[in-house]
Amino acid sequence: MKHKTFAGSLKDAFKGIFFVIRHERNMSFHILAAALALAASFYYKINRMEFLFVITAIFLVMITETLNTAVETLVDLYTREYHPLAGIAKKVAAGAVLGAALFAVVIACLVFGDKLW
């Protein structure tokens, strides 16, 4: 799947992103949460540093979810049968998404907490 052009590589990258959006139900939730966080950012007129943290949290969650999908797909390609190492790989990748999501919740509480409560 090696491309000779940057445009071909970019096209494949976007196909990968759209695959995750279409096929991973959790990504829909992450997109909704990101939209709410961005809407709150503009509504409350947060400063640049706060916005940087919000954007970082959003991208961290999206990237880890995408990598989780890649790990799950590779494990499924390798074996459809149960194997303890396959299960560990999937659980570790899911744990990375959970860690990123918890980071995003902490950022949301720190940035928006005093504005909401």
PDB file of N, CA and C in Angstrom:
ATOM      1  N   MET A   1       0.826  -1.190   0.000  1.00  0.00           N
ATOM      2  CA  MET A   1       0.000   0.000   0.000  1.00  0.00           C
ATOM      3  C   MET A   1       0.868   1.251   0.000  1.00  0.00           C
ATOM      4  N   LYS A   2       2.075   1.150  -0.442  1.00  0.00           N
ATOM      5  CA  LYS A   2       2.973   2.293  -0.479  1.00  0.00           C
ATOM      6  C   LYS A   2       2.571   3.218  -1.622  1.00  0.00           C
ATOM      7  N   HIS A   3       2.487   4.506  -1.293  1.00  0.00           N
ATOM      8  CA  HIS A   3       2.143   5.511  -2.295  1.00  0.00           C
ATOM      9  C   HIS A   3       3.384   6.270  -2.711  1.00  0.00           C
ATOM     10  N   LYS A   4       3.375   6.690  -3.951  1.00  0.00           N
ATOM     11  CA  LYS A   4       4.480   7.493  -4.441  1.00  0.00           C
ATOM     12  C   LYS A   4       4.215   8.977  -4.246  1.00  0.00           C
ATOM     13  N   THR A   5       2.998   9.316  -3.881  1.00  0.00           N
ATOM     14  CA  THR A   5       2.672  10.735  -3.717  1.00  0.00           C
ATOM     15  C   THR A   5       2.156  11.010  -2.312  1.00  0.00           C
ATOM     16  N   PHE A   6       2.358  12.235  -1.887  1.00  0.00           N
ATOM     17  CA  PHE A   6       1.829  12.685  -0.602  1.00  0.00           C
ATOM     18  C   PHE A   6       0.306  12.663  -0.639  1.00  0.00           C
ATOM     19  N   ALA A   7      -0.270  13.053  -1.778  1.00  0.00           N
ATOM     20  CA  ALA A   7      -1.730  13.088  -1.909  1.00  0.00           C
ATOM     21  C   ALA A   7      -2.333  11.699  -1.702  1.00  0.00           C
ATOM     22  N   GLY A   8      -1.680  10.667  -2.231  1.00  0.00           N
ATOM     23  CA  GLY A   8      -2.179   9.304  -2.038  1.00  0.00           C
ATOM     24  C   GLY A   8      -2.138   8.883  -0.586  1.00  0.00           C
ATOM     25  N   SER A   9      -1.063   9.242   0.106  1.00  0.00           N
ATOM     26  CA  SER A   9      -0.945   8.931   1.536  1.00  0.00           C
ATOM     27  C   SER A   9      -2.004   9.667   2.337  1.00  0.00           C
ATOM     28  N   LEU A  10      -2.233  10.928   1.989  1.00  0.00           N
ATOM     29  CA  LEU A  10      -3.238  11.734   2.679  1.00  0.00           C
ATOM     30  C   LEU A  10      -4.631  11.154   2.466  1.00  0.00           C
ATOM     31  N   LYS A  11      -4.900  10.710   1.248  1.00  0.00           N
ATOM     32  CA  LYS A  11      -6.199  10.103   0.934  1.00  0.00           C
ATOM     33  C   LYS A  11      -6.439   8.869   1.801  1.00  0.00           C
ATOM     34  N   ASP A  12      -5.423   8.013   1.929  1.00  0.00           N
ATOM     35  CA  ASP A  12      -5.563   6.822   2.766  1.00  0.00           C
ATOM     36  C   ASP A  12      -5.747   7.180   4.235  1.00  0.00           C
ATOM     37  N   ALA A  13      -5.056   8.215   4.693  1.00  0.00           N
ATOM     38  CA  ALA A  13      -5.201   8.646   6.085  1.00  0.00           C
ATOM     39  C   ALA A  13      -6.639   9.077   6.362  1.00  0.00           C
ATOM     40  N   PHE A  14      -7.229   9.841   5.450  1.00  0.00           N
ATOM     41  CA  PHE A  14      -8.616  10.267   5.629  1.00  0.00           C
ATOM     42  C   PHE A  14      -9.577   9.083   5.561  1.00  0.00           C
ATOM     43  N   LYS A  15      -9.289   8.120   4.706  1.00  0.00           N
ATOM     44  CA  LYS A  15     -10.123   6.907   4.653  1.00  0.00           C
ATOM     45  C   LYS A  15     -10.095   6.186   6.002  1.00  0.00           C
ATOM     46  N   GLY A  16      -8.921   6.152   6.629  1.00  0.00           N
ATOM     47  CA  GLY A  16      -8.808   5.528   7.942  1.00  0.00           C
ATOM     48  C   GLY A  16      -9.628   6.255   8.993  1.00  0.00           C
ATOM     49  N   ILE A  17      -9.560   7.575   8.974  1.00  0.00           N
ATOM     50  CA  ILE A  17     -10.333   8.377   9.931  1.00  0.00           C
ATOM     51  C   ILE A  17     -11.826   8.145   9.728  1.00  0.00           C
ATOM     52  N   PHE A  18     -12.276   8.182   8.470  1.00  0.00           N
ATOM     53  CA  PHE A  18     -13.698   7.989   8.195  1.00  0.00           C
ATOM     54  C   PHE A  18     -14.153   6.570   8.537  1.00  0.00           C
ATOM     55  N   PHE A  19     -13.272   5.586   8.374  1.00  0.00           N
ATOM     56  CA  PHE A  19     -13.604   4.221   8.773  1.00  0.00           C
ATOM     57  C   PHE A  19     -13.915   4.168  10.267  1.00  0.00           C
ATOM     58  N   VAL A  20     -13.064   4.780  11.071  1.00  0.00           N
ATOM     59  CA  VAL A  20     -13.267   4.772  12.527  1.00  0.00           C
ATOM     60  C   VAL A  20     -14.571   5.478  12.876  1.00  0.00           C
ATOM     61  N   ILE A  21     -14.838   6.604  12.234  1.00  0.00           N
ATOM     62  CA  ILE A  21     -16.070   7.353  12.512  1.00  0.00           C
ATOM     63  C   ILE A  21     -17.298   6.509  12.171  1.00  0.00           C
ATOM     64  N   ARG A  22     -17.255   5.807  11.050  1.00  0.00           N
ATOM     65  CA  ARG A  22     -18.412   5.012  10.608  1.00  0.00           C
ATOM     66  C   ARG A  22     -18.597   3.714  11.385  1.00  0.00           C
ATOM     67  N   HIS A  23     -17.506   3.098  11.825  1.00  0.00           N
ATOM     68  CA  HIS A  23     -17.603   1.737  12.355  1.00  0.00           C
ATOM     69  C   HIS A  23     -17.395   1.601  13.865  1.00  0.00           C
ATOM     70  N   GLU A  24     -16.945   2.620  14.521  1.00  0.00           N
ATOM     71  CA  GLU A  24     -16.720   2.522  15.967  1.00  0.00           C
ATOM     72  C   GLU A  24     -17.757   3.360  16.704  1.00  0.00           C
ATOM     73  N   ARG A  25     -18.647   2.700  17.427  1.00  0.00           N
ATOM     74  CA  ARG A  25     -19.731   3.424  18.098  1.00  0.00           C
ATOM     75  C   ARG A  25     -19.208   4.408  19.136  1.00  0.00           C
ATOM     76  N   ASN A  26     -18.096   4.075  19.780  1.00  0.00           N
ATOM     77  CA  ASN A  26     -17.557   4.985  20.789  1.00  0.00           C
ATOM     78  C   ASN A  26     -17.064   6.289  20.181  1.00  0.00           C
ATOM     79  N   MET A  27     -16.643   6.251  18.916  1.00  0.00           N
ATOM     80  CA  MET A  27     -16.172   7.479  18.283  1.00  0.00           C
ATOM     81  C   MET A  27     -17.311   8.483  18.148  1.00  0.00           C
ATOM     82  N   SER A  28     -18.535   8.014  17.929  1.00  0.00           N
ATOM     83  CA  SER A  28     -19.687   8.923  17.865  1.00  0.00           C
ATOM     84  C   SER A  28     -19.847   9.656  19.189  1.00  0.00           C
ATOM     85  N   PHE A  29     -19.693   8.937  20.281  1.00  0.00           N
ATOM     86  CA  PHE A  29     -19.772   9.569  21.601  1.00  0.00           C
ATOM     87  C   PHE A  29     -18.646  10.577  21.775  1.00  0.00           C
ATOM     88  N   HIS A  30     -17.431  10.215  21.359  1.00  0.00           N
ATOM     89  CA  HIS A  30     -16.290  11.127  21.490  1.00  0.00           C
ATOM     90  C   HIS A  30     -16.505  12.392  20.659  1.00  0.00           C
ATOM     91  N   ILE A  31     -17.080  12.247  19.476  1.00  0.00           N
ATOM     92  CA  ILE A  31     -17.349  13.408  18.624  1.00  0.00           C
ATOM     93  C   ILE A  31     -18.390  14.308  19.274  1.00  0.00           C
ATOM     94  N   LEU A  32     -19.432  13.720  19.842  1.00  0.00           N
ATOM     95  CA  LEU A  32     -20.451  14.505  20.544  1.00  0.00           C
ATOM     96  C   LEU A  32     -19.838  15.242  21.731  1.00  0.00           C
ATOM     97  N   ALA A  33     -19.029  14.551  22.523  1.00  0.00           N
ATOM     98  CA  ALA A  33     -18.373  15.181  23.674  1.00  0.00           C
ATOM     99  C   ALA A  33     -17.450  16.306  23.215  1.00  0.00           C
ATOM    100  N   ALA A  34     -16.740  16.096  22.116  1.00  0.00           N
ATOM    101  CA  ALA A  34     -15.849  17.133  21.582  1.00  0.00           C
ATOM    102  C   ALA A  34     -16.649  18.349  21.136  1.00  0.00           C
ATOM    103  N   ALA A  35     -17.776  18.115  20.470  1.00  0.00           N
ATOM    104  CA  ALA A  35     -18.620  19.225  20.023  1.00  0.00           C
ATOM    105  C   ALA A  35     -19.152  20.019  21.213  1.00  0.00           C
ATOM    106  N   LEU A  36     -19.566  19.323  22.266  1.00  0.00           N
ATOM    107  CA  LEU A  36     -20.047  20.008  23.472  1.00  0.00           C
ATOM    108  C   LEU A  36     -18.929  20.798  24.138  1.00  0.00           C
ATOM    109  N   ALA A  37     -17.734  20.220  24.193  1.00  0.00           N
ATOM    110  CA  ALA A  37     -16.594  20.914  24.798  1.00  0.00           C
ATOM    111  C   ALA A  37     -16.232  22.159  23.998  1.00  0.00           C
ATOM    112  N   LEU A  38     -16.256  22.053  22.681  1.00  0.00           N
ATOM    113  CA  LEU A  38     -15.953  23.220  21.847  1.00  0.00           C
ATOM    114  C   LEU A  38     -17.032  24.285  21.981  1.00  0.00           C
ATOM    115  N   ALA A  39     -18.299  23.857  22.015  1.00  0.00           N
ATOM    116  CA  ALA A  39     -19.394  24.814  22.196  1.00  0.00           C
ATOM    117  C   ALA A  39     -19.264  25.529  23.540  1.00  0.00           C
ATOM    118  N   ALA A  40     -18.957  24.784  24.593  1.00  0.00           N
ATOM    119  CA  ALA A  40     -18.770  25.395  25.914  1.00  0.00           C
ATOM    120  C   ALA A  40     -17.569  26.334  25.910  1.00  0.00           C
ATOM    121  N   SER A  41     -16.533  25.977  25.178  1.00  0.00           N
ATOM    122  CA  SER A  41     -15.340  26.828  25.100  1.00  0.00           C
ATOM    123  C   SER A  41     -15.687  28.191  24.520  1.00  0.00           C
ATOM    124  N   PHE A  42     -16.484  28.202  23.467  1.00  0.00           N
ATOM    125  CA  PHE A  42     -16.861  29.472  22.844  1.00  0.00           C
ATOM    126  C   PHE A  42     -17.901  30.208  23.678  1.00  0.00           C
ATOM    127  N   TYR A  43     -18.835  29.473  24.262  1.00  0.00           N
ATOM    128  CA  TYR A  43     -19.871  30.097  25.081  1.00  0.00           C
ATOM    129  C   TYR A  43     -19.268  30.801  26.295  1.00  0.00           C
ATOM    130  N   TYR A  44     -18.353  30.143  26.970  1.00  0.00           N
ATOM    131  CA  TYR A  44     -17.750  30.713  28.176  1.00  0.00           C
ATOM    132  C   TYR A  44     -16.519  31.562  27.888  1.00  0.00           C
ATOM    133  N   LYS A  45     -16.158  31.675  26.611  1.00  0.00           N
ATOM    134  CA  LYS A  45     -15.023  32.510  26.207  1.00  0.00           C
ATOM    135  C   LYS A  45     -13.769  32.203  27.031  1.00  0.00           C
ATOM    136  N   ILE A  46     -13.391  30.934  27.035  1.00  0.00           N
ATOM    137  CA  ILE A  46     -12.213  30.535  27.801  1.00  0.00           C
ATOM    138  C   ILE A  46     -10.958  31.126  27.160  1.00  0.00           C
ATOM    139  N   ASN A  47      -9.903  31.265  27.955  1.00  0.00           N
ATOM    140  CA  ASN A  47      -8.673  31.861  27.432  1.00  0.00           C
ATOM    141  C   ASN A  47      -7.900  30.862  26.570  1.00  0.00           C
ATOM    142  N   ARG A  48      -6.838  31.359  25.946  1.00  0.00           N
ATOM    143  CA  ARG A  48      -6.065  30.526  25.015  1.00  0.00           C
ATOM    144  C   ARG A  48      -5.454  29.294  25.681  1.00  0.00           C
ATOM    145  N   MET A  49      -4.938  29.450  26.876  1.00  0.00           N
ATOM    146  CA  MET A  49      -4.312  28.318  27.555  1.00  0.00           C
ATOM    147  C   MET A  49      -5.354  27.246  27.881  1.00  0.00           C
ATOM    148  N   GLU A  50      -6.512  27.669  28.370  1.00  0.00           N
ATOM    149  CA  GLU A  50      -7.586  26.712  28.642  1.00  0.00           C
ATOM    150  C   GLU A  50      -8.019  26.011  27.350  1.00  0.00           C
ATOM    151  N   PHE A  51      -8.121  26.790  26.274  1.00  0.00           N
ATOM    152  CA  PHE A  51      -8.524  26.221  24.989  1.00  0.00           C
ATOM    153  C   PHE A  51      -7.488  25.213  24.491  1.00  0.00           C
ATOM    154  N   LEU A  52      -6.223  25.513  24.716  1.00  0.00           N
ATOM    155  CA  LEU A  52      -5.161  24.580  24.331  1.00  0.00           C
ATOM    156  C   LEU A  52      -5.329  23.243  25.058  1.00  0.00           C
ATOM    157  N   PHE A  53      -5.647  23.295  26.342  1.00  0.00           N
ATOM    158  CA  PHE A  53      -5.866  22.059  27.098  1.00  0.00           C
ATOM    159  C   PHE A  53      -7.097  21.300  26.589  1.00  0.00           C
ATOM    160  N   VAL A  54      -8.167  22.029  26.286  1.00  0.00           N
ATOM    161  CA  VAL A  54      -9.384  21.384  25.773  1.00  0.00           C
ATOM    162  C   VAL A  54      -9.101  20.693  24.438  1.00  0.00           C
ATOM    163  N   ILE A  55      -8.441  21.400  23.531  1.00  0.00           N
ATOM    164  CA  ILE A  55      -8.119  20.828  22.216  1.00  0.00           C
ATOM    165  C   ILE A  55      -7.180  19.628  22.355  1.00  0.00           C
ATOM    166  N   THR A  56      -6.195  19.742  23.247  1.00  0.00           N
ATOM    167  CA  THR A  56      -5.270  18.626  23.479  1.00  0.00           C
ATOM    168  C   THR A  56      -6.029  17.394  23.967  1.00  0.00           C
ATOM    169  N   ALA A  57      -6.947  17.593  24.900  1.00  0.00           N
ATOM    170  CA  ALA A  57      -7.732  16.471  25.425  1.00  0.00           C
ATOM    171  C   ALA A  57      -8.589  15.841  24.328  1.00  0.00           C
ATOM    172  N   ILE A  58      -9.211  16.679  23.508  1.00  0.00           N
ATOM    173  CA  ILE A  58     -10.048  16.165  22.416  1.00  0.00           C
ATOM    174  C   ILE A  58      -9.216  15.311  21.462  1.00  0.00           C
ATOM    175  N   PHE A  59      -8.085  15.852  21.024  1.00  0.00           N
ATOM    176  CA  PHE A  59      -7.260  15.106  20.074  1.00  0.00           C
ATOM    177  C   PHE A  59      -6.676  13.843  20.696  1.00  0.00           C
ATOM    178  N   LEU A  60      -6.315  13.903  21.962  1.00  0.00           N
ATOM    179  CA  LEU A  60      -5.773  12.719  22.624  1.00  0.00           C
ATOM    180  C   LEU A  60      -6.798  11.582  22.626  1.00  0.00           C
ATOM    181  N   VAL A  61      -8.040  11.905  22.931  1.00  0.00           N
ATOM    182  CA  VAL A  61      -9.098  10.882  22.934  1.00  0.00           C
ATOM    183  C   VAL A  61      -9.326  10.335  21.526  1.00  0.00           C
ATOM    184  N   MET A  62      -9.409  11.229  20.545  1.00  0.00           N
ATOM    185  CA  MET A  62      -9.645  10.790  19.163  1.00  0.00           C
ATOM    186  C   MET A  62      -8.495   9.911  18.650  1.00  0.00           C
ATOM    187  N   ILE A  63      -7.272  10.318  18.944  1.00  0.00           N
ATOM    188  CA  ILE A  63      -6.110   9.557  18.477  1.00  0.00           C
ATOM    189  C   ILE A  63      -6.051   8.190  19.148  1.00  0.00           C
ATOM    190  N   THR A  64      -6.283   8.144  20.463  1.00  0.00           N
ATOM    191  CA  THR A  64      -6.215   6.844  21.134  1.00  0.00           C
ATOM    192  C   THR A  64      -7.337   5.920  20.672  1.00  0.00           C
ATOM    193  N   GLU A  65      -8.512   6.470  20.403  1.00  0.00           N
ATOM    194  CA  GLU A  65      -9.611   5.638  19.881  1.00  0.00           C
ATOM    195  C   GLU A  65      -9.247   5.079  18.505  1.00  0.00           C
ATOM    196  N   THR A  66      -8.614   5.894  17.696  1.00  0.00           N
ATOM    197  CA  THR A  66      -8.192   5.450  16.371  1.00  0.00           C
ATOM    198  C   THR A  66      -7.131   4.352  16.474  1.00  0.00           C
ATOM    199  N   LEU A  67      -6.155   4.544  17.354  1.00  0.00           N
ATOM    200  CA  LEU A  67      -5.125   3.518  17.553  1.00  0.00           C
ATOM    201  C   LEU A  67      -5.717   2.238  18.142  1.00  0.00           C
ATOM    202  N   ASN A  68      -6.695   2.385  19.022  1.00  0.00           N
ATOM    203  CA  ASN A  68      -7.382   1.219  19.585  1.00  0.00           C
ATOM    204  C   ASN A  68      -8.046   0.408  18.468  1.00  0.00           C
ATOM    205  N   THR A  69      -8.681   1.103  17.542  1.00  0.00           N
ATOM    206  CA  THR A  69      -9.308   0.421  16.411  1.00  0.00           C
ATOM    207  C   THR A  69      -8.261  -0.312  15.576  1.00  0.00           C
ATOM    208  N   ALA A  70      -7.117   0.318  15.366  1.00  0.00           N
ATOM    209  CA  ALA A  70      -6.043  -0.323  14.597  1.00  0.00           C
ATOM    210  C   ALA A  70      -5.549  -1.584  15.302  1.00  0.00           C
ATOM    211  N   VAL A  71      -5.363  -1.507  16.621  1.00  0.00           N
ATOM    212  CA  VAL A  71      -4.907  -2.680  17.380  1.00  0.00           C
ATOM    213  C   VAL A  71      -5.941  -3.798  17.301  1.00  0.00           C
ATOM    214  N   GLU A  72      -7.213  -3.459  17.522  1.00  0.00           N
ATOM    215  CA  GLU A  72      -8.265  -4.480  17.467  1.00  0.00           C
ATOM    216  C   GLU A  72      -8.336  -5.130  16.089  1.00  0.00           C
ATOM    217  N   THR A  73      -8.205  -4.333  15.046  1.00  0.00           N
ATOM    218  CA  THR A  73      -8.261  -4.855  13.684  1.00  0.00           C
ATOM    219  C   THR A  73      -7.087  -5.793  13.402  1.00  0.00           C
ATOM    220  N   LEU A  74      -5.901  -5.399  13.829  1.00  0.00           N
ATOM    221  CA  LEU A  74      -4.726  -6.255  13.630  1.00  0.00           C
ATOM    222  C   LEU A  74      -4.835  -7.565  14.402  1.00  0.00           C
ATOM    223  N   VAL A  75      -5.323  -7.480  15.634  1.00  0.00           N
ATOM    224  CA  VAL A  75      -5.488  -8.698  16.428  1.00  0.00           C
ATOM    225  C   VAL A  75      -6.511  -9.617  15.769  1.00  0.00           C
ATOM    226  N   ASP A  76      -7.619  -9.042  15.287  1.00  0.00           N
ATOM    227  CA  ASP A  76      -8.641  -9.851  14.616  1.00  0.00           C
ATOM    228  C   ASP A  76      -8.117 -10.450  13.307  1.00  0.00           C
ATOM    229  N   LEU A  77      -7.247  -9.726  12.627  1.00  0.00           N
ATOM    230  CA  LEU A  77      -6.644 -10.253  11.406  1.00  0.00           C
ATOM    231  C   LEU A  77      -5.756 -11.452  11.717  1.00  0.00           C
ATOM    232  N   TYR A  78      -5.054 -11.364  12.820  1.00  0.00           N
ATOM    233  CA  TYR A  78      -4.123 -12.422  13.207  1.00  0.00           C
ATOM    234  C   TYR A  78      -4.850 -13.680  13.667  1.00  0.00           C
ATOM    235  N   THR A  79      -5.870 -13.503  14.497  1.00  0.00           N
ATOM    236  CA  THR A  79      -6.585 -14.671  15.019  1.00  0.00           C
ATOM    237  C   THR A  79      -8.020 -14.319  15.373  1.00  0.00           C
ATOM    238  N   ARG A  80      -8.923 -15.190  14.988  1.00  0.00           N
ATOM    239  CA  ARG A  80     -10.327 -15.062  15.385  1.00  0.00           C
ATOM    240  C   ARG A  80     -10.604 -15.896  16.635  1.00  0.00           C
ATOM    241  N   GLU A  81      -9.707 -16.796  16.934  1.00  0.00           N
ATOM    242  CA  GLU A  81      -9.861 -17.649  18.109  1.00  0.00           C
ATOM    243  C   GLU A  81      -9.358 -16.908  19.342  1.00  0.00           C
ATOM    244  N   TYR A  82      -9.871 -17.323  20.487  1.00  0.00           N
ATOM    245  CA  TYR A  82      -9.421 -16.694  21.727  1.00  0.00           C
ATOM    246  C   TYR A  82      -7.964 -17.048  21.990  1.00  0.00           C
ATOM    247  N   HIS A  83      -7.225 -16.028  22.327  1.00  0.00           N
ATOM    248  CA  HIS A  83      -5.843 -16.226  22.769  1.00  0.00           C
ATOM    249  C   HIS A  83      -5.582 -15.190  23.856  1.00  0.00           C
ATOM    250  N   PRO A  84      -4.994 -15.589  24.981  1.00  0.00           N
ATOM    251  CA  PRO A  84      -4.781 -14.651  26.085  1.00  0.00           C
ATOM    252  C   PRO A  84      -3.999 -13.400  25.675  1.00  0.00           C
ATOM    253  N   LEU A  85      -3.002 -13.551  24.820  1.00  0.00           N
ATOM    254  CA  LEU A  85      -2.218 -12.384  24.403  1.00  0.00           C
ATOM    255  C   LEU A  85      -3.029 -11.438  23.522  1.00  0.00           C
ATOM    256  N   ALA A  86      -3.915 -11.997  22.705  1.00  0.00           N
ATOM    257  CA  ALA A  86      -4.797 -11.162  21.888  1.00  0.00           C
ATOM    258  C   ALA A  86      -5.722 -10.351  22.793  1.00  0.00           C
ATOM    259  N   GLY A  87      -6.242 -11.009  23.814  1.00  0.00           N
ATOM    260  CA  GLY A  87      -7.101 -10.314  24.772  1.00  0.00           C
ATOM    261  C   GLY A  87      -6.362  -9.215  25.507  1.00  0.00           C
ATOM    262  N   ILE A  88      -5.124  -9.486  25.889  1.00  0.00           N
ATOM    263  CA  ILE A  88      -4.321  -8.475  26.585  1.00  0.00           C
ATOM    264  C   ILE A  88      -4.086  -7.278  25.678  1.00  0.00           C
ATOM    265  N   ALA A  89      -3.735  -7.521  24.417  1.00  0.00           N
ATOM    266  CA  ALA A  89      -3.486  -6.420  23.479  1.00  0.00           C
ATOM    267  C   ALA A  89      -4.716  -5.531  23.344  1.00  0.00           C
ATOM    268  N   LYS A  90      -5.881  -6.146  23.212  1.00  0.00           N
ATOM    269  CA  LYS A  90      -7.117  -5.372  23.084  1.00  0.00           C
ATOM    270  C   LYS A  90      -7.436  -4.607  24.369  1.00  0.00           C
ATOM    271  N   LYS A  91      -7.229  -5.241  25.507  1.00  0.00           N
ATOM    272  CA  LYS A  91      -7.524  -4.584  26.783  1.00  0.00           C
ATOM    273  C   LYS A  91      -6.577  -3.423  27.051  1.00  0.00           C
ATOM    274  N   VAL A  92      -5.318  -3.588  26.712  1.00  0.00           N
ATOM    275  CA  VAL A  92      -4.348  -2.506  26.910  1.00  0.00           C
ATOM    276  C   VAL A  92      -4.707  -1.314  26.021  1.00  0.00           C
ATOM    277  N   ALA A  93      -5.064  -1.585  24.768  1.00  0.00           N
ATOM    278  CA  ALA A  93      -5.452  -0.506  23.857  1.00  0.00           C
ATOM    279  C   ALA A  93      -6.712   0.203  24.360  1.00  0.00           C
ATOM    280  N   ALA A  94      -7.673  -0.567  24.851  1.00  0.00           N
ATOM    281  CA  ALA A  94      -8.886   0.034  25.414  1.00  0.00           C
ATOM    282  C   ALA A  94      -8.559   0.841  26.667  1.00  0.00           C
ATOM    283  N   GLY A  95      -7.612   0.360  27.452  1.00  0.00           N
ATOM    284  CA  GLY A  95      -7.181   1.101  28.639  1.00  0.00           C
ATOM    285  C   GLY A  95      -6.570   2.443  28.287  1.00  0.00           C
ATOM    286  N   ALA A  96      -5.865   2.503  27.163  1.00  0.00           N
ATOM    287  CA  ALA A  96      -5.297   3.778  26.715  1.00  0.00           C
ATOM    288  C   ALA A  96      -6.405   4.777  26.397  1.00  0.00           C
ATOM    289  N   VAL A  97      -7.468   4.304  25.767  1.00  0.00           N
ATOM    290  CA  VAL A  97      -8.610   5.177  25.475  1.00  0.00           C
ATOM    291  C   VAL A  97      -9.253   5.648  26.774  1.00  0.00           C
ATOM    292  N   LEU A  98      -9.419   4.741  27.718  1.00  0.00           N
ATOM    293  CA  LEU A  98      -9.991   5.113  29.010  1.00  0.00           C
ATOM    294  C   LEU A  98      -9.128   6.170  29.696  1.00  0.00           C
ATOM    295  N   GLY A  99      -7.822   5.984  29.687  1.00  0.00           N
ATOM    296  CA  GLY A  99      -6.926   6.969  30.286  1.00  0.00           C
ATOM    297  C   GLY A  99      -7.060   8.327  29.628  1.00  0.00           C
ATOM    298  N   ALA A 100      -7.142   8.351  28.303  1.00  0.00           N
ATOM    299  CA  ALA A 100      -7.307   9.616  27.581  1.00  0.00           C
ATOM    300  C   ALA A 100      -8.651  10.259  27.913  1.00  0.00           C
ATOM    301  N   ALA A 101      -9.700   9.447  28.000  1.00  0.00           N
ATOM    302  CA  ALA A 101     -11.025   9.976  28.324  1.00  0.00           C
ATOM    303  C   ALA A 101     -11.064  10.543  29.743  1.00  0.00           C
ATOM    304  N   LEU A 102     -10.414   9.870  30.680  1.00  0.00           N
ATOM    305  CA  LEU A 102     -10.350  10.394  32.054  1.00  0.00           C
ATOM    306  C   LEU A 102      -9.571  11.705  32.098  1.00  0.00           C
ATOM    307  N   PHE A 103      -8.486  11.787  31.325  1.00  0.00           N
ATOM    308  CA  PHE A 103      -7.732  13.035  31.211  1.00  0.00           C
ATOM    309  C   PHE A 103      -8.648  14.146  30.695  1.00  0.00           C
ATOM    310  N   ALA A 104      -9.461  13.839  29.687  1.00  0.00           N
ATOM    311  CA  ALA A 104     -10.382  14.829  29.126  1.00  0.00           C
ATOM    312  C   ALA A 104     -11.411  15.283  30.160  1.00  0.00           C
ATOM    313  N   VAL A 105     -11.898  14.361  30.970  1.00  0.00           N
ATOM    314  CA  VAL A 105     -12.859  14.723  32.025  1.00  0.00           C
ATOM    315  C   VAL A 105     -12.204  15.640  33.054  1.00  0.00           C
ATOM    316  N   VAL A 106     -10.978  15.334  33.436  1.00  0.00           N
ATOM    317  CA  VAL A 106     -10.250  16.187  34.389  1.00  0.00           C
ATOM    318  C   VAL A 106     -10.072  17.583  33.804  1.00  0.00           C
ATOM    319  N   ILE A 107      -9.672  17.663  32.543  1.00  0.00           N
ATOM    320  CA  ILE A 107      -9.505  18.966  31.889  1.00  0.00           C
ATOM    321  C   ILE A 107     -10.833  19.712  31.870  1.00  0.00           C
ATOM    322  N   ALA A 108     -11.913  19.028  31.516  1.00  0.00           N
ATOM    323  CA  ALA A 108     -13.233  19.667  31.483  1.00  0.00           C
ATOM    324  C   ALA A 108     -13.618  20.197  32.853  1.00  0.00           C
ATOM    325  N   CYS A 109     -13.377  19.434  33.897  1.00  0.00           N
ATOM    326  CA  CYS A 109     -13.699  19.884  35.257  1.00  0.00           C
ATOM    327  C   CYS A 109     -12.869  21.104  35.649  1.00  0.00           C
ATOM    328  N   LEU A 110     -11.592  21.079  35.305  1.00  0.00           N
ATOM    329  CA  LEU A 110     -10.718  22.202  35.657  1.00  0.00           C
ATOM    330  C   LEU A 110     -11.060  23.463  34.870  1.00  0.00           C
ATOM    331  N   VAL A 111     -11.388  23.308  33.598  1.00  0.00           N
ATOM    332  CA  VAL A 111     -11.659  24.473  32.750  1.00  0.00           C
ATOM    333  C   VAL A 111     -13.074  24.998  32.950  1.00  0.00           C
ATOM    334  N   PHE A 112     -14.048  24.102  33.027  1.00  0.00           N
ATOM    335  CA  PHE A 112     -15.447  24.527  33.058  1.00  0.00           C
ATOM    336  C   PHE A 112     -16.105  24.426  34.426  1.00  0.00           C
ATOM    337  N   GLY A 113     -15.468  23.770  35.375  1.00  0.00           N
ATOM    338  CA  GLY A 113     -16.085  23.534  36.676  1.00  0.00           C
ATOM    339  C   GLY A 113     -16.578  24.785  37.365  1.00  0.00           C
ATOM    340  N   ASP A 114     -15.725  25.800  37.459  1.00  0.00           N
ATOM    341  CA  ASP A 114     -16.128  27.029  38.157  1.00  0.00           C
ATOM    342  C   ASP A 114     -17.175  27.815  37.374  1.00  0.00           C
ATOM    343  N   LYS A 115     -17.282  27.569  36.090  1.00  0.00           N
ATOM    344  CA  LYS A 115     -18.272  28.265  35.268  1.00  0.00           C
ATOM    345  C   LYS A 115     -19.645  27.588  35.350  1.00  0.00           C
ATOM    346  N   LEU A 116     -19.636  26.291  35.655  1.00  0.00           N
ATOM    347  CA  LEU A 116     -20.888  25.536  35.702  1.00  0.00           C
ATOM    348  C   LEU A 116     -21.480  25.423  37.105  1.00  0.00           C
ATOM    349  N   TRP A 117     -20.611  25.428  38.126  1.00  0.00           N
ATOM    350  CA  TRP A 117     -21.115  25.247  39.485  1.00  0.00           C
ATOM    351  C   TRP A 117     -20.795  26.415  40.358  1.00  0.00           C
TER     352      TRP A 117
END
